[in-house]
Amino acid sequence: MLEWFRKLLPHEEQFFDLFAQHSETVVSAAHSLNALLSGDDRDARIAEIVALEDKADGITREVLLAVRRSFITPFDRNDIKDLIQSMDDTIDTMHRVVKTILLFEQHAFDPGMRDMGLDIVQASKLVAEAIPLLKSVGTNAPRLTALSEEVTRVEGHSDFLHENGLKDLYRRHGTGNAMGYIIGSQIYGELEKVLDRFEDVAKEISGIVIENV
C-alpha cells in the first residue's frame, strides 16, 4: 500500500521536466515574436504566441499543483513557485506585446524593435540553458552565475535599444505625428518589459544558487 501511494506522488524529476518544458515553450514564443517583428507572416506568428502562452500557463499550473502534492521538492517550495511564475511572466509579457500590436493594428516595426526581438531570443536561450543545470546546483553554480549575469547584460543592452528607439521616434514623429510616437513608444515599452521579466528569472536563479551552495 505504501509503495502504491508513493507512486502517486510527484517525483523531484517531474519538476525539472516541467521547468524544461516551460523554458522550451518560452524559447519558441521568443522566436515567434522575433519573426513577427521581422515582418514574417504576422497573423501566423501572433497565433503561435497566443497558443504557446496558453501552453505555458498549463505547465505553470502543473508545477504549482506538484508543489502542493509533493512531500519532497528539489529546493525550497517558495523558490519553485517564484521561479516558475517569473518564467511564466516572460511569455505573458510577450502576449501583451501581441495585444499592443493588435490594438494599434501595426504591421511594420522599427529596426530597434527588431533588435530587441533578437535580445528576447537570446535571453530565452540563456534561461533554457540554465534551467536543467539546477538539478545539480552545487556543481553547476559557476555556470549558473555566468548565465544569470549574461541575461542581465542582455537586459542592459535592451535598455540602450529602448532609449535610442524613443529618441528616434521623437525625431521622426515628435512634432508632427503624436499618435505615431505614442504607438511606437508603447511597443518599445512592452518589449522592454519582456527583457525585464527575463532579468527577474535570472535573479530567481541566482537566489537559488546562493541558498543551495
N, C-alpha and C. Protein backbone atom coordinates (compact mmCIF):
# COMPACT_ATOMS: atom_id res chain seq x y z
N MET A 1 0.82 -1.20 0.00
CA MET A 1 0.00 0.00 0.00
C MET A 1 0.86 1.26 0.00
N LEU A 2 1.92 1.25 0.83
CA LEU A 2 2.81 2.42 0.91
C LEU A 2 3.50 2.66 -0.42
N GLU A 3 3.97 1.58 -1.07
CA GLU A 3 4.65 1.72 -2.35
C GLU A 3 3.68 2.27 -3.41
N TRP A 4 2.48 1.80 -3.41
CA TRP A 4 1.46 2.30 -4.36
C TRP A 4 1.21 3.79 -4.13
N PHE A 5 1.14 4.19 -2.83
CA PHE A 5 0.91 5.60 -2.52
C PHE A 5 2.07 6.46 -3.01
N ARG A 6 3.30 5.98 -2.83
CA ARG A 6 4.46 6.75 -3.27
C ARG A 6 4.45 6.98 -4.78
N LYS A 7 3.95 6.00 -5.51
CA LYS A 7 3.93 6.14 -6.98
C LYS A 7 2.99 7.26 -7.42
N LEU A 8 2.02 7.58 -6.57
CA LEU A 8 1.08 8.65 -6.91
C LEU A 8 1.67 10.04 -6.67
N LEU A 9 2.73 10.09 -5.89
CA LEU A 9 3.29 11.39 -5.53
C LEU A 9 4.23 11.90 -6.61
N PRO A 10 4.27 13.22 -6.84
CA PRO A 10 5.20 13.77 -7.82
C PRO A 10 6.64 13.51 -7.39
N HIS A 11 7.50 13.19 -8.33
CA HIS A 11 8.91 12.99 -8.05
C HIS A 11 9.67 14.27 -8.31
N GLU A 12 10.86 14.40 -7.69
CA GLU A 12 11.67 15.59 -7.91
C GLU A 12 11.94 15.80 -9.39
N GLU A 13 12.16 14.70 -10.11
CA GLU A 13 12.49 14.79 -11.53
C GLU A 13 11.36 15.47 -12.30
N GLN A 14 10.14 15.31 -11.84
CA GLN A 14 9.00 15.90 -12.53
C GLN A 14 9.12 17.41 -12.60
N PHE A 15 9.62 18.01 -11.52
CA PHE A 15 9.77 19.46 -11.51
C PHE A 15 10.71 19.92 -12.62
N PHE A 16 11.83 19.24 -12.76
CA PHE A 16 12.79 19.66 -13.77
C PHE A 16 12.27 19.40 -15.18
N ASP A 17 11.51 18.34 -15.35
CA ASP A 17 10.88 18.09 -16.66
C ASP A 17 9.92 19.22 -17.01
N LEU A 18 9.14 19.65 -16.03
CA LEU A 18 8.18 20.73 -16.27
C LEU A 18 8.88 22.06 -16.50
N PHE A 19 9.93 22.33 -15.72
CA PHE A 19 10.71 23.54 -15.94
C PHE A 19 11.27 23.56 -17.37
N ALA A 20 11.80 22.41 -17.80
CA ALA A 20 12.38 22.34 -19.14
C ALA A 20 11.32 22.54 -20.21
N GLN A 21 10.14 21.92 -20.03
CA GLN A 21 9.05 22.11 -20.99
C GLN A 21 8.66 23.59 -21.08
N HIS A 22 8.60 24.23 -19.92
CA HIS A 22 8.20 25.64 -19.91
C HIS A 22 9.25 26.50 -20.61
N SER A 23 10.53 26.27 -20.30
CA SER A 23 11.58 27.09 -20.91
C SER A 23 11.63 26.89 -22.41
N GLU A 24 11.38 25.66 -22.88
CA GLU A 24 11.35 25.41 -24.33
C GLU A 24 10.17 26.14 -24.97
N THR A 25 9.05 26.19 -24.26
CA THR A 25 7.89 26.91 -24.76
C THR A 25 8.19 28.41 -24.87
N VAL A 26 8.89 28.94 -23.90
CA VAL A 26 9.26 30.35 -23.92
C VAL A 26 10.21 30.65 -25.08
N VAL A 27 11.16 29.74 -25.32
CA VAL A 27 12.08 29.92 -26.45
C VAL A 27 11.30 29.95 -27.77
N SER A 28 10.36 29.05 -27.91
CA SER A 28 9.55 29.03 -29.14
C SER A 28 8.77 30.32 -29.31
N ALA A 29 8.20 30.83 -28.22
CA ALA A 29 7.46 32.08 -28.28
C ALA A 29 8.37 33.24 -28.64
N ALA A 30 9.59 33.23 -28.10
CA ALA A 30 10.55 34.29 -28.40
C ALA A 30 10.90 34.28 -29.88
N HIS A 31 11.08 33.11 -30.45
CA HIS A 31 11.36 33.01 -31.89
C HIS A 31 10.17 33.53 -32.71
N SER A 32 8.97 33.19 -32.28
CA SER A 32 7.78 33.66 -32.99
C SER A 32 7.66 35.17 -32.91
N LEU A 33 7.95 35.73 -31.73
CA LEU A 33 7.88 37.18 -31.57
C LEU A 33 8.94 37.86 -32.44
N ASN A 34 10.13 37.31 -32.45
CA ASN A 34 11.20 37.86 -33.28
C ASN A 34 10.80 37.83 -34.76
N ALA A 35 10.20 36.72 -35.19
CA ALA A 35 9.75 36.61 -36.58
C ALA A 35 8.64 37.63 -36.88
N LEU A 36 7.74 37.82 -35.91
CA LEU A 36 6.67 38.81 -36.06
C LEU A 36 7.25 40.20 -36.27
N LEU A 37 8.22 40.57 -35.44
CA LEU A 37 8.83 41.89 -35.54
C LEU A 37 9.62 42.05 -36.84
N SER A 38 10.06 40.93 -37.40
CA SER A 38 10.81 40.97 -38.66
C SER A 38 9.91 40.99 -39.88
N GLY A 39 8.59 40.92 -39.65
CA GLY A 39 7.64 41.01 -40.76
C GLY A 39 7.25 39.70 -41.37
N ASP A 40 7.48 38.59 -40.65
CA ASP A 40 7.20 37.25 -41.20
C ASP A 40 5.80 36.80 -40.83
N ASP A 41 4.86 36.79 -41.78
CA ASP A 41 3.52 36.23 -41.62
C ASP A 41 2.90 36.62 -40.28
N ARG A 42 2.54 37.88 -40.17
CA ARG A 42 2.08 38.47 -38.92
C ARG A 42 1.02 37.64 -38.22
N ASP A 43 -0.05 37.27 -38.91
CA ASP A 43 -1.17 36.58 -38.26
C ASP A 43 -0.76 35.20 -37.75
N ALA A 44 0.06 34.49 -38.50
CA ALA A 44 0.50 33.16 -38.07
C ALA A 44 1.38 33.24 -36.84
N ARG A 45 2.28 34.23 -36.81
CA ARG A 45 3.17 34.37 -35.65
C ARG A 45 2.38 34.77 -34.41
N ILE A 46 1.41 35.63 -34.59
CA ILE A 46 0.56 36.03 -33.45
C ILE A 46 -0.18 34.82 -32.90
N ALA A 47 -0.74 34.00 -33.78
CA ALA A 47 -1.46 32.80 -33.35
C ALA A 47 -0.53 31.85 -32.59
N GLU A 48 0.71 31.74 -33.05
CA GLU A 48 1.68 30.88 -32.36
C GLU A 48 1.94 31.37 -30.94
N ILE A 49 2.14 32.66 -30.78
CA ILE A 49 2.44 33.20 -29.46
C ILE A 49 1.27 33.01 -28.51
N VAL A 50 0.06 33.23 -29.00
CA VAL A 50 -1.13 33.04 -28.17
C VAL A 50 -1.24 31.59 -27.72
N ALA A 51 -1.03 30.66 -28.65
CA ALA A 51 -1.12 29.23 -28.31
C ALA A 51 -0.02 28.81 -27.33
N LEU A 52 1.18 29.32 -27.54
CA LEU A 52 2.31 28.98 -26.66
C LEU A 52 2.12 29.56 -25.26
N GLU A 53 1.55 30.75 -25.18
CA GLU A 53 1.29 31.35 -23.87
C GLU A 53 0.28 30.50 -23.10
N ASP A 54 -0.72 29.99 -23.80
CA ASP A 54 -1.71 29.12 -23.16
C ASP A 54 -1.06 27.81 -22.69
N LYS A 55 -0.17 27.26 -23.52
CA LYS A 55 0.55 26.03 -23.14
C LYS A 55 1.40 26.28 -21.90
N ALA A 56 2.10 27.41 -21.87
CA ALA A 56 2.95 27.74 -20.72
C ALA A 56 2.13 27.89 -19.44
N ASP A 57 0.95 28.48 -19.55
CA ASP A 57 0.07 28.60 -18.39
C ASP A 57 -0.29 27.23 -17.83
N GLY A 58 -0.54 26.28 -18.74
CA GLY A 58 -0.87 24.93 -18.29
C GLY A 58 0.28 24.27 -17.56
N ILE A 59 1.50 24.46 -18.05
CA ILE A 59 2.67 23.89 -17.39
C ILE A 59 2.86 24.53 -16.02
N THR A 60 2.66 25.84 -15.96
CA THR A 60 2.79 26.54 -14.67
C THR A 60 1.80 25.98 -13.66
N ARG A 61 0.58 25.73 -14.09
CA ARG A 61 -0.42 25.16 -13.17
C ARG A 61 0.03 23.77 -12.70
N GLU A 62 0.62 22.98 -13.58
CA GLU A 62 1.11 21.66 -13.18
C GLU A 62 2.19 21.76 -12.12
N VAL A 63 3.10 22.72 -12.28
CA VAL A 63 4.17 22.90 -11.30
C VAL A 63 3.59 23.29 -9.95
N LEU A 64 2.68 24.25 -9.94
CA LEU A 64 2.10 24.71 -8.68
C LEU A 64 1.30 23.59 -8.00
N LEU A 65 0.63 22.76 -8.80
CA LEU A 65 -0.09 21.62 -8.23
C LEU A 65 0.89 20.61 -7.65
N ALA A 66 2.00 20.36 -8.36
CA ALA A 66 3.00 19.42 -7.89
C ALA A 66 3.63 19.88 -6.58
N VAL A 67 3.82 21.19 -6.44
CA VAL A 67 4.37 21.73 -5.19
C VAL A 67 3.46 21.40 -4.03
N ARG A 68 2.15 21.54 -4.24
CA ARG A 68 1.19 21.26 -3.17
C ARG A 68 1.12 19.77 -2.84
N ARG A 69 1.33 18.93 -3.83
CA ARG A 69 1.18 17.48 -3.63
C ARG A 69 2.44 16.81 -3.13
N SER A 70 3.59 17.44 -3.27
CA SER A 70 4.86 16.78 -3.01
C SER A 70 5.29 16.90 -1.56
N PHE A 71 5.77 15.77 -1.02
CA PHE A 71 6.39 15.78 0.30
C PHE A 71 7.83 16.28 0.20
N ILE A 72 8.48 15.94 -0.92
CA ILE A 72 9.89 16.30 -1.13
C ILE A 72 10.00 17.11 -2.41
N THR A 73 10.69 18.23 -2.33
CA THR A 73 10.92 19.07 -3.51
C THR A 73 12.42 19.27 -3.68
N PRO A 74 12.89 19.55 -4.90
CA PRO A 74 14.33 19.67 -5.14
C PRO A 74 14.98 20.85 -4.43
N PHE A 75 14.21 21.91 -4.22
CA PHE A 75 14.66 23.02 -3.38
C PHE A 75 13.44 23.69 -2.80
N ASP A 76 13.62 24.78 -2.08
CA ASP A 76 12.55 25.41 -1.32
C ASP A 76 11.28 25.60 -2.15
N ARG A 77 10.14 25.31 -1.55
CA ARG A 77 8.86 25.38 -2.26
C ARG A 77 8.58 26.79 -2.79
N ASN A 78 8.86 27.78 -1.95
CA ASN A 78 8.64 29.15 -2.41
C ASN A 78 9.54 29.51 -3.58
N ASP A 79 10.77 28.99 -3.58
CA ASP A 79 11.68 29.24 -4.70
C ASP A 79 11.15 28.60 -5.98
N ILE A 80 10.58 27.41 -5.85
CA ILE A 80 10.00 26.74 -7.01
C ILE A 80 8.85 27.58 -7.58
N LYS A 81 7.97 28.02 -6.69
CA LYS A 81 6.82 28.82 -7.15
C LYS A 81 7.28 30.15 -7.76
N ASP A 82 8.23 30.79 -7.11
CA ASP A 82 8.70 32.08 -7.64
C ASP A 82 9.41 31.90 -8.98
N LEU A 83 10.16 30.81 -9.12
CA LEU A 83 10.88 30.57 -10.38
C LEU A 83 9.90 30.34 -11.53
N ILE A 84 8.93 29.44 -11.35
CA ILE A 84 8.03 29.14 -12.47
C ILE A 84 7.14 30.34 -12.77
N GLN A 85 6.76 31.10 -11.77
CA GLN A 85 5.92 32.26 -12.02
C GLN A 85 6.70 33.36 -12.73
N SER A 86 7.98 33.52 -12.39
CA SER A 86 8.79 34.50 -13.10
C SER A 86 9.02 34.06 -14.54
N MET A 87 9.21 32.76 -14.76
CA MET A 87 9.33 32.25 -16.12
C MET A 87 8.05 32.50 -16.90
N ASP A 88 6.92 32.27 -16.25
CA ASP A 88 5.65 32.45 -16.94
C ASP A 88 5.38 33.93 -17.25
N ASP A 89 5.90 34.81 -16.40
CA ASP A 89 5.73 36.24 -16.66
C ASP A 89 6.40 36.65 -17.97
N THR A 90 7.48 35.96 -18.37
CA THR A 90 8.15 36.34 -19.62
C THR A 90 7.23 36.14 -20.81
N ILE A 91 6.56 35.01 -20.87
CA ILE A 91 5.71 34.74 -22.02
C ILE A 91 4.38 35.48 -21.91
N ASP A 92 3.92 35.72 -20.68
CA ASP A 92 2.73 36.56 -20.52
C ASP A 92 2.98 37.96 -21.08
N THR A 93 4.18 38.47 -20.85
CA THR A 93 4.51 39.81 -21.33
C THR A 93 4.68 39.82 -22.85
N MET A 94 5.20 38.73 -23.41
CA MET A 94 5.22 38.62 -24.88
C MET A 94 3.80 38.69 -25.44
N HIS A 95 2.88 38.05 -24.73
CA HIS A 95 1.48 38.10 -25.16
C HIS A 95 0.95 39.53 -25.12
N ARG A 96 1.39 40.30 -24.12
CA ARG A 96 0.96 41.70 -24.05
C ARG A 96 1.53 42.52 -25.21
N VAL A 97 2.73 42.16 -25.66
CA VAL A 97 3.28 42.82 -26.86
C VAL A 97 2.34 42.58 -28.04
N VAL A 98 1.90 41.34 -28.18
CA VAL A 98 0.98 40.98 -29.26
C VAL A 98 -0.32 41.78 -29.14
N LYS A 99 -0.85 41.89 -27.93
CA LYS A 99 -2.10 42.64 -27.74
C LYS A 99 -1.92 44.10 -28.14
N THR A 100 -0.75 44.66 -27.83
CA THR A 100 -0.47 46.05 -28.20
C THR A 100 -0.39 46.19 -29.71
N ILE A 101 0.26 45.25 -30.36
CA ILE A 101 0.38 45.27 -31.83
C ILE A 101 -1.00 45.17 -32.47
N LEU A 102 -1.85 44.29 -31.94
CA LEU A 102 -3.20 44.15 -32.48
C LEU A 102 -4.04 45.39 -32.21
N LEU A 103 -3.90 45.96 -31.02
CA LEU A 103 -4.68 47.14 -30.67
C LEU A 103 -4.42 48.29 -31.64
N PHE A 104 -3.15 48.49 -31.96
CA PHE A 104 -2.79 49.61 -32.82
C PHE A 104 -2.64 49.21 -34.30
N GLU A 105 -2.99 47.95 -34.60
CA GLU A 105 -3.01 47.46 -35.98
C GLU A 105 -1.67 47.70 -36.69
N GLN A 106 -0.60 47.29 -36.01
CA GLN A 106 0.74 47.50 -36.56
C GLN A 106 1.18 46.31 -37.43
N HIS A 107 1.81 46.63 -38.53
CA HIS A 107 2.30 45.60 -39.45
C HIS A 107 3.79 45.75 -39.75
N ALA A 108 4.38 46.89 -39.43
CA ALA A 108 5.80 47.12 -39.67
C ALA A 108 6.43 47.66 -38.40
N PHE A 109 7.70 47.33 -38.18
CA PHE A 109 8.34 47.64 -36.91
C PHE A 109 9.72 48.23 -37.13
N ASP A 110 10.09 49.14 -36.25
CA ASP A 110 11.36 49.85 -36.36
C ASP A 110 12.54 48.90 -36.18
N PRO A 111 13.71 49.26 -36.73
CA PRO A 111 14.91 48.43 -36.54
C PRO A 111 15.23 48.18 -35.07
N GLY A 112 15.04 49.19 -34.22
CA GLY A 112 15.31 48.99 -32.79
C GLY A 112 14.40 47.95 -32.17
N MET A 113 13.15 47.89 -32.61
CA MET A 113 12.22 46.87 -32.12
C MET A 113 12.67 45.48 -32.56
N ARG A 114 13.13 45.40 -33.80
CA ARG A 114 13.62 44.10 -34.30
C ARG A 114 14.87 43.66 -33.53
N ASP A 115 15.73 44.62 -33.19
CA ASP A 115 16.92 44.29 -32.40
C ASP A 115 16.52 43.81 -31.00
N MET A 116 15.49 44.39 -30.43
CA MET A 116 15.01 43.93 -29.13
C MET A 116 14.43 42.52 -29.24
N GLY A 117 13.82 42.21 -30.38
CA GLY A 117 13.36 40.84 -30.61
C GLY A 117 14.49 39.84 -30.56
N LEU A 118 15.63 40.21 -31.12
CA LEU A 118 16.82 39.36 -31.07
C LEU A 118 17.31 39.19 -29.63
N ASP A 119 17.27 40.28 -28.85
CA ASP A 119 17.66 40.18 -27.44
C ASP A 119 16.74 39.24 -26.67
N ILE A 120 15.45 39.28 -26.99
CA ILE A 120 14.50 38.40 -26.32
C ILE A 120 14.81 36.93 -26.62
N VAL A 121 15.14 36.64 -27.87
CA VAL A 121 15.53 35.28 -28.22
C VAL A 121 16.77 34.86 -27.44
N GLN A 122 17.76 35.75 -27.38
CA GLN A 122 19.00 35.42 -26.68
C GLN A 122 18.74 35.17 -25.20
N ALA A 123 17.94 36.02 -24.57
CA ALA A 123 17.64 35.84 -23.15
C ALA A 123 16.90 34.53 -22.91
N SER A 124 15.98 34.19 -23.79
CA SER A 124 15.22 32.94 -23.62
C SER A 124 16.13 31.72 -23.71
N LYS A 125 17.11 31.78 -24.59
CA LYS A 125 18.04 30.66 -24.74
C LYS A 125 18.95 30.52 -23.53
N LEU A 126 19.36 31.65 -22.98
CA LEU A 126 20.21 31.61 -21.78
C LEU A 126 19.45 30.98 -20.61
N VAL A 127 18.19 31.35 -20.44
CA VAL A 127 17.38 30.76 -19.37
C VAL A 127 17.18 29.27 -19.63
N ALA A 128 16.91 28.90 -20.88
CA ALA A 128 16.70 27.49 -21.22
C ALA A 128 17.95 26.66 -20.95
N GLU A 129 19.12 27.27 -21.11
CA GLU A 129 20.36 26.56 -20.78
C GLU A 129 20.53 26.41 -19.28
N ALA A 130 20.10 27.43 -18.54
CA ALA A 130 20.30 27.43 -17.09
C ALA A 130 19.39 26.44 -16.37
N ILE A 131 18.16 26.32 -16.81
CA ILE A 131 17.16 25.55 -16.06
C ILE A 131 17.60 24.10 -15.78
N PRO A 132 18.09 23.33 -16.76
CA PRO A 132 18.50 21.95 -16.44
C PRO A 132 19.67 21.87 -15.47
N LEU A 133 20.48 22.92 -15.42
CA LEU A 133 21.64 22.92 -14.54
C LEU A 133 21.25 23.00 -13.07
N LEU A 134 20.00 23.39 -12.80
CA LEU A 134 19.54 23.47 -11.41
C LEU A 134 19.42 22.10 -10.76
N LYS A 135 19.45 21.04 -11.57
CA LYS A 135 19.42 19.69 -11.00
C LYS A 135 20.61 19.45 -10.08
N SER A 136 21.74 20.06 -10.41
CA SER A 136 22.95 19.93 -9.60
C SER A 136 23.50 21.33 -9.35
N VAL A 137 22.84 22.04 -8.44
CA VAL A 137 23.16 23.45 -8.23
C VAL A 137 24.61 23.64 -7.81
N GLY A 138 25.09 22.83 -6.88
CA GLY A 138 26.45 22.99 -6.40
C GLY A 138 27.48 22.83 -7.49
N THR A 139 27.35 21.77 -8.25
CA THR A 139 28.30 21.50 -9.33
C THR A 139 28.25 22.58 -10.40
N ASN A 140 27.05 23.05 -10.69
CA ASN A 140 26.85 23.98 -11.81
C ASN A 140 26.78 25.44 -11.39
N ALA A 141 27.08 25.73 -10.14
CA ALA A 141 26.96 27.10 -9.63
C ALA A 141 27.71 28.13 -10.48
N PRO A 142 28.98 27.87 -10.87
CA PRO A 142 29.69 28.89 -11.66
C PRO A 142 29.00 29.18 -12.99
N ARG A 143 28.54 28.14 -13.68
CA ARG A 143 27.88 28.35 -14.97
C ARG A 143 26.52 29.03 -14.78
N LEU A 144 25.78 28.65 -13.75
CA LEU A 144 24.50 29.29 -13.49
C LEU A 144 24.69 30.78 -13.19
N THR A 145 25.72 31.10 -12.44
CA THR A 145 26.01 32.50 -12.14
C THR A 145 26.37 33.26 -13.41
N ALA A 146 27.18 32.64 -14.27
CA ALA A 146 27.58 33.28 -15.52
C ALA A 146 26.38 33.52 -16.43
N LEU A 147 25.47 32.54 -16.50
CA LEU A 147 24.29 32.68 -17.34
C LEU A 147 23.37 33.78 -16.81
N SER A 148 23.22 33.84 -15.50
CA SER A 148 22.39 34.90 -14.91
C SER A 148 22.97 36.28 -15.21
N GLU A 149 24.28 36.39 -15.12
CA GLU A 149 24.94 37.67 -15.41
C GLU A 149 24.78 38.03 -16.89
N GLU A 150 24.79 37.03 -17.76
CA GLU A 150 24.64 37.30 -19.18
C GLU A 150 23.22 37.78 -19.50
N VAL A 151 22.23 37.20 -18.83
CA VAL A 151 20.85 37.68 -19.01
C VAL A 151 20.76 39.14 -18.59
N THR A 152 21.39 39.49 -17.49
CA THR A 152 21.39 40.88 -17.03
C THR A 152 22.07 41.79 -18.05
N ARG A 153 23.15 41.31 -18.66
CA ARG A 153 23.83 42.10 -19.69
C ARG A 153 22.91 42.32 -20.89
N VAL A 154 22.21 41.28 -21.31
CA VAL A 154 21.27 41.41 -22.43
C VAL A 154 20.18 42.41 -22.10
N GLU A 155 19.67 42.34 -20.86
CA GLU A 155 18.64 43.29 -20.45
C GLU A 155 19.18 44.72 -20.49
N GLY A 156 20.44 44.90 -20.09
CA GLY A 156 21.05 46.22 -20.16
C GLY A 156 21.16 46.73 -21.59
N HIS A 157 21.46 45.83 -22.51
CA HIS A 157 21.52 46.21 -23.92
C HIS A 157 20.14 46.62 -24.42
N SER A 158 19.12 45.94 -23.95
CA SER A 158 17.75 46.29 -24.36
C SER A 158 17.36 47.67 -23.83
N ASP A 159 17.88 48.05 -22.65
CA ASP A 159 17.64 49.40 -22.13
C ASP A 159 18.19 50.44 -23.11
N PHE A 160 19.38 50.15 -23.63
CA PHE A 160 20.02 51.04 -24.61
C PHE A 160 19.17 51.14 -25.87
N LEU A 161 18.69 50.00 -26.36
CA LEU A 161 17.85 50.00 -27.57
C LEU A 161 16.55 50.74 -27.33
N HIS A 162 15.96 50.54 -26.17
CA HIS A 162 14.71 51.21 -25.81
C HIS A 162 14.90 52.72 -25.81
N GLU A 163 15.95 53.18 -25.15
CA GLU A 163 16.20 54.62 -25.06
C GLU A 163 16.45 55.22 -26.44
N ASN A 164 17.29 54.56 -27.24
CA ASN A 164 17.57 55.06 -28.58
C ASN A 164 16.34 55.01 -29.48
N GLY A 165 15.51 53.98 -29.28
CA GLY A 165 14.29 53.87 -30.06
C GLY A 165 13.34 55.02 -29.79
N LEU A 166 13.21 55.39 -28.52
CA LEU A 166 12.34 56.52 -28.16
C LEU A 166 12.88 57.83 -28.75
N LYS A 167 14.19 57.99 -28.71
CA LYS A 167 14.79 59.20 -29.30
C LYS A 167 14.50 59.27 -30.80
N ASP A 168 14.64 58.11 -31.47
CA ASP A 168 14.37 58.07 -32.91
C ASP A 168 12.91 58.37 -33.20
N LEU A 169 12.01 57.81 -32.40
CA LEU A 169 10.59 58.09 -32.58
C LEU A 169 10.30 59.58 -32.44
N TYR A 170 10.92 60.19 -31.45
CA TYR A 170 10.68 61.62 -31.24
C TYR A 170 11.19 62.45 -32.42
N ARG A 171 12.36 62.08 -32.92
CA ARG A 171 12.91 62.81 -34.08
C ARG A 171 11.98 62.70 -35.28
N ARG A 172 11.36 61.53 -35.45
CA ARG A 172 10.53 61.31 -36.62
C ARG A 172 9.09 61.80 -36.44
N HIS A 173 8.58 61.67 -35.22
CA HIS A 173 7.15 61.92 -35.01
C HIS A 173 6.85 63.00 -33.98
N GLY A 174 7.83 63.45 -33.25
CA GLY A 174 7.57 64.29 -32.09
C GLY A 174 6.85 65.58 -32.37
N THR A 175 7.06 66.15 -33.54
CA THR A 175 6.45 67.46 -33.82
C THR A 175 5.28 67.40 -34.79
N GLY A 176 5.05 66.23 -35.42
CA GLY A 176 4.00 66.21 -36.43
C GLY A 176 3.09 65.01 -36.40
N ASN A 177 3.45 63.99 -35.61
CA ASN A 177 2.65 62.77 -35.61
C ASN A 177 2.66 62.18 -34.21
N ALA A 178 1.88 62.80 -33.33
CA ALA A 178 1.87 62.38 -31.93
C ALA A 178 1.45 60.92 -31.78
N MET A 179 0.46 60.49 -32.58
CA MET A 179 0.00 59.11 -32.46
C MET A 179 1.09 58.13 -32.87
N GLY A 180 1.88 58.47 -33.88
CA GLY A 180 2.99 57.60 -34.28
C GLY A 180 3.98 57.43 -33.15
N TYR A 181 4.25 58.52 -32.43
CA TYR A 181 5.16 58.44 -31.29
C TYR A 181 4.55 57.59 -30.17
N ILE A 182 3.30 57.82 -29.88
CA ILE A 182 2.63 57.10 -28.79
C ILE A 182 2.62 55.59 -29.06
N ILE A 183 2.23 55.22 -30.28
CA ILE A 183 2.17 53.79 -30.63
C ILE A 183 3.55 53.15 -30.55
N GLY A 184 4.53 53.82 -31.16
CA GLY A 184 5.89 53.28 -31.14
C GLY A 184 6.43 53.14 -29.73
N SER A 185 6.19 54.14 -28.89
CA SER A 185 6.71 54.09 -27.52
C SER A 185 6.03 52.99 -26.71
N GLN A 186 4.74 52.72 -26.99
CA GLN A 186 4.04 51.63 -26.30
C GLN A 186 4.67 50.28 -26.65
N ILE A 187 4.96 50.08 -27.92
CA ILE A 187 5.56 48.80 -28.34
C ILE A 187 6.96 48.66 -27.76
N TYR A 188 7.76 49.73 -27.84
CA TYR A 188 9.09 49.67 -27.24
C TYR A 188 8.99 49.36 -25.74
N GLY A 189 8.04 50.00 -25.07
CA GLY A 189 7.89 49.78 -23.64
C GLY A 189 7.53 48.35 -23.29
N GLU A 190 6.62 47.75 -24.06
CA GLU A 190 6.24 46.36 -23.79
C GLU A 190 7.40 45.40 -24.08
N LEU A 191 8.17 45.67 -25.12
CA LEU A 191 9.33 44.83 -25.42
C LEU A 191 10.35 44.92 -24.29
N GLU A 192 10.55 46.12 -23.78
CA GLU A 192 11.49 46.28 -22.67
C GLU A 192 11.02 45.52 -21.43
N LYS A 193 9.71 45.48 -21.21
CA LYS A 193 9.18 44.73 -20.07
C LYS A 193 9.46 43.23 -20.21
N VAL A 194 9.44 42.72 -21.44
CA VAL A 194 9.77 41.30 -21.64
C VAL A 194 11.19 41.02 -21.14
N LEU A 195 12.14 41.89 -21.51
CA LEU A 195 13.51 41.70 -21.05
C LEU A 195 13.63 41.87 -19.55
N ASP A 196 12.86 42.77 -18.97
CA ASP A 196 12.85 42.93 -17.51
C ASP A 196 12.41 41.64 -16.83
N ARG A 197 11.43 40.99 -17.42
CA ARG A 197 10.94 39.74 -16.82
C ARG A 197 11.99 38.63 -16.92
N PHE A 198 12.77 38.61 -18.00
CA PHE A 198 13.87 37.64 -18.08
C PHE A 198 14.92 37.94 -17.01
N GLU A 199 15.16 39.21 -16.74
CA GLU A 199 16.09 39.55 -15.67
C GLU A 199 15.56 39.06 -14.33
N ASP A 200 14.24 39.12 -14.13
CA ASP A 200 13.64 38.59 -12.91
C ASP A 200 13.92 37.09 -12.77
N VAL A 201 13.83 36.36 -13.88
CA VAL A 201 14.14 34.92 -13.85
C VAL A 201 15.59 34.72 -13.44
N ALA A 202 16.49 35.51 -14.02
CA ALA A 202 17.91 35.41 -13.69
C ALA A 202 18.14 35.65 -12.19
N LYS A 203 17.42 36.60 -11.63
CA LYS A 203 17.55 36.88 -10.20
C LYS A 203 17.05 35.69 -9.36
N GLU A 204 15.97 35.07 -9.80
CA GLU A 204 15.47 33.89 -9.09
C GLU A 204 16.50 32.76 -9.12
N ILE A 205 17.10 32.56 -10.28
CA ILE A 205 18.12 31.51 -10.42
C ILE A 205 19.31 31.82 -9.51
N SER A 206 19.76 33.07 -9.50
CA SER A 206 20.88 33.46 -8.64
C SER A 206 20.54 33.23 -7.18
N GLY A 207 19.30 33.54 -6.80
CA GLY A 207 18.88 33.32 -5.42
C GLY A 207 18.90 31.85 -5.03
N ILE A 208 18.48 30.98 -5.95
CA ILE A 208 18.51 29.54 -5.69
C ILE A 208 19.94 29.06 -5.52
N VAL A 209 20.83 29.57 -6.37
CA VAL A 209 22.24 29.20 -6.26
C VAL A 209 22.79 29.61 -4.89
N ILE A 210 22.52 30.83 -4.47
CA ILE A 210 23.05 31.32 -3.19
C ILE A 210 22.53 30.49 -2.03
N GLU A 211 21.26 30.11 -2.09
CA GLU A 211 20.65 29.37 -0.98
C GLU A 211 21.07 27.90 -0.92
N ASN A 212 21.54 27.37 -2.04
CA ASN A 212 21.79 25.91 -2.09
C ASN A 212 23.25 25.54 -2.31
N VAL A 213 24.14 26.50 -2.23
CA VAL A 213 25.57 26.19 -2.41
C VAL A 213 26.28 26.41 -1.07
